[in-house]
Protein backbone atom coordinates (compact mmCIF):
# COMPACT_ATOMS: atom_id res chain seq x y z
CA MET A 1 -0.01 0.05 -0.07
CA THR A 2 1.09 3.45 -0.63
CA GLN A 3 1.60 6.15 2.01
CA GLN A 4 -1.50 8.15 0.58
CA ALA A 5 -3.74 4.98 0.92
CA ILE A 6 -2.68 4.53 4.42
CA ASN A 7 -3.30 8.09 5.41
CA ASN A 8 -6.79 7.89 3.76
CA ARG A 9 -7.64 4.82 5.75
CA GLU A 10 -6.57 6.55 8.96
CA LEU A 11 -8.73 9.48 8.21
CA LEU A 12 -11.84 7.16 7.63
CA ASP A 13 -11.12 5.52 11.04
CA ILE A 14 -11.17 8.72 12.90
CA ILE A 15 -14.85 9.46 12.60
CA LYS A 16 -17.07 6.89 14.40
CA TYR A 17 -20.63 8.09 13.98
CA PRO A 18 -22.71 11.21 14.03
CA ILE A 19 -24.31 12.10 17.34
CA ILE A 20 -28.06 12.92 16.78
CA THR A 21 -29.87 14.37 19.82
CA ASP A 22 -32.36 17.19 20.35
CA LYS A 23 -29.52 19.64 21.00
CA THR A 24 -27.50 18.55 18.00
CA THR A 25 -30.39 18.85 15.70
CA GLN A 26 -30.70 22.50 16.83
CA TYR A 27 -27.06 22.88 15.91
CA LEU A 28 -27.90 21.98 12.34
CA GLU A 29 -29.65 25.45 11.84
CA ASP A 30 -26.26 27.02 12.70
CA ASN A 31 -24.46 24.74 10.09
CA LYS A 32 -22.86 22.77 12.96
CA TYR A 33 -22.56 18.94 13.20
CA CYS A 34 -21.53 16.62 16.03
CA PHE A 35 -19.52 13.47 15.58
CA ALA A 36 -18.11 10.92 17.98
CA VAL A 37 -14.45 10.51 17.15
CA VAL A 38 -11.44 8.49 18.26
CA SER A 39 -10.27 9.55 21.75
CA ASN A 40 -6.70 10.18 20.58
CA ALA A 41 -7.57 12.35 17.57
CA ASN A 42 -6.65 16.09 17.59
CA LYS A 43 -8.43 18.95 16.02
CA THR A 44 -6.23 18.93 12.85
CA LYS A 45 -6.77 15.27 12.12
CA ILE A 46 -10.53 15.68 12.76
CA LYS A 47 -10.62 18.57 10.36
CA GLN A 48 -8.76 16.59 7.63
CA ALA A 49 -11.03 13.59 8.12
CA ILE A 50 -14.25 15.67 7.80
CA GLU A 51 -13.06 17.48 4.77
CA TYR A 52 -11.89 14.18 3.16
CA VAL A 53 -14.96 12.15 3.83
CA PHE A 54 -17.72 14.71 3.31
CA LYS A 55 -15.90 17.00 0.72
CA VAL A 56 -16.75 20.20 2.72
CA LYS A 57 -14.78 23.14 4.12
CA VAL A 58 -14.44 23.26 7.87
CA ILE A 59 -14.24 26.63 9.64
CA LYS A 60 -14.13 25.72 13.29
CA ILE A 61 -13.93 22.59 15.59
CA ASN A 62 -14.71 22.23 19.20
CA THR A 63 -13.86 18.95 20.99
CA LEU A 64 -14.80 17.60 24.44
CA ASN A 65 -14.22 14.31 26.27
CA SER A 66 -17.50 13.12 27.74
CA PRO A 67 -16.96 11.55 31.17
CA PRO A 68 -18.13 7.92 31.77
CA LYS A 69 -21.60 7.91 33.38
CA THR A 70 -22.85 5.41 35.95
CA ARG A 71 -26.06 3.62 35.20
CA LYS A 72 -28.09 1.37 37.54
CA ILE A 73 -30.62 -1.20 36.27
CA GLY A 74 -32.08 -3.07 39.17
CA LYS A 75 -29.31 -4.15 41.49
CA PHE A 76 -26.70 -4.00 38.76
CA ILE A 77 -24.43 -0.97 38.37
CA GLY A 78 -22.46 -0.30 35.32
CA LYS A 79 -20.80 2.52 33.36
CA ILE A 80 -21.51 3.99 29.95
CA LYS A 81 -18.35 4.29 28.05
CA ASN A 82 -16.71 7.71 27.63
CA TYR A 83 -16.16 9.10 24.12
CA LYS A 84 -14.77 12.21 22.50
CA LYS A 85 -17.21 14.51 20.72
CA ALA A 86 -16.33 16.93 18.01
CA ILE A 87 -18.65 19.86 17.15
CA VAL A 88 -17.75 20.91 13.60
CA GLU A 89 -18.87 24.24 12.05
CA LEU A 90 -18.90 24.25 8.31
CA ASP A 91 -18.59 26.99 5.69
CA SER A 92 -22.07 28.63 4.82
CA GLN A 93 -22.14 27.09 1.46
CA ASP A 94 -21.39 23.51 2.53
CA LYS A 95 -23.83 21.03 4.06
CA ILE A 96 -23.73 17.43 5.15
CA ASN A 97 -26.81 15.29 4.77
CA LEU A 98 -27.18 13.08 7.76
CA PHE A 99 -30.78 12.06 7.07
CA GLN A 100 -31.68 10.03 3.97
CA ASP A 101 -34.56 11.55 1.97
CA ASN A 102 -37.32 8.89 1.28
């Protein structure tokens, strides 16, 4: 494999999935999108990955590590895994279609 193919594969692995909640759907009006990313990714790698995968121009990125949360079901106590969230603001002309049109 060439170096370019390895870098492209790494960029695809950085983004895990989009985060869709009530708050993140309100972000869509401001052209902001939320993604769960690999915990060791920095802002420059996240920007490269978003621009490569979706073919858009990224203006700003905010990241945060969500802490693990404790959940109790009956007598069993467990933890929800922590993850890193990236809030990506796109250029005004660009858009990502997260929902399929039926």
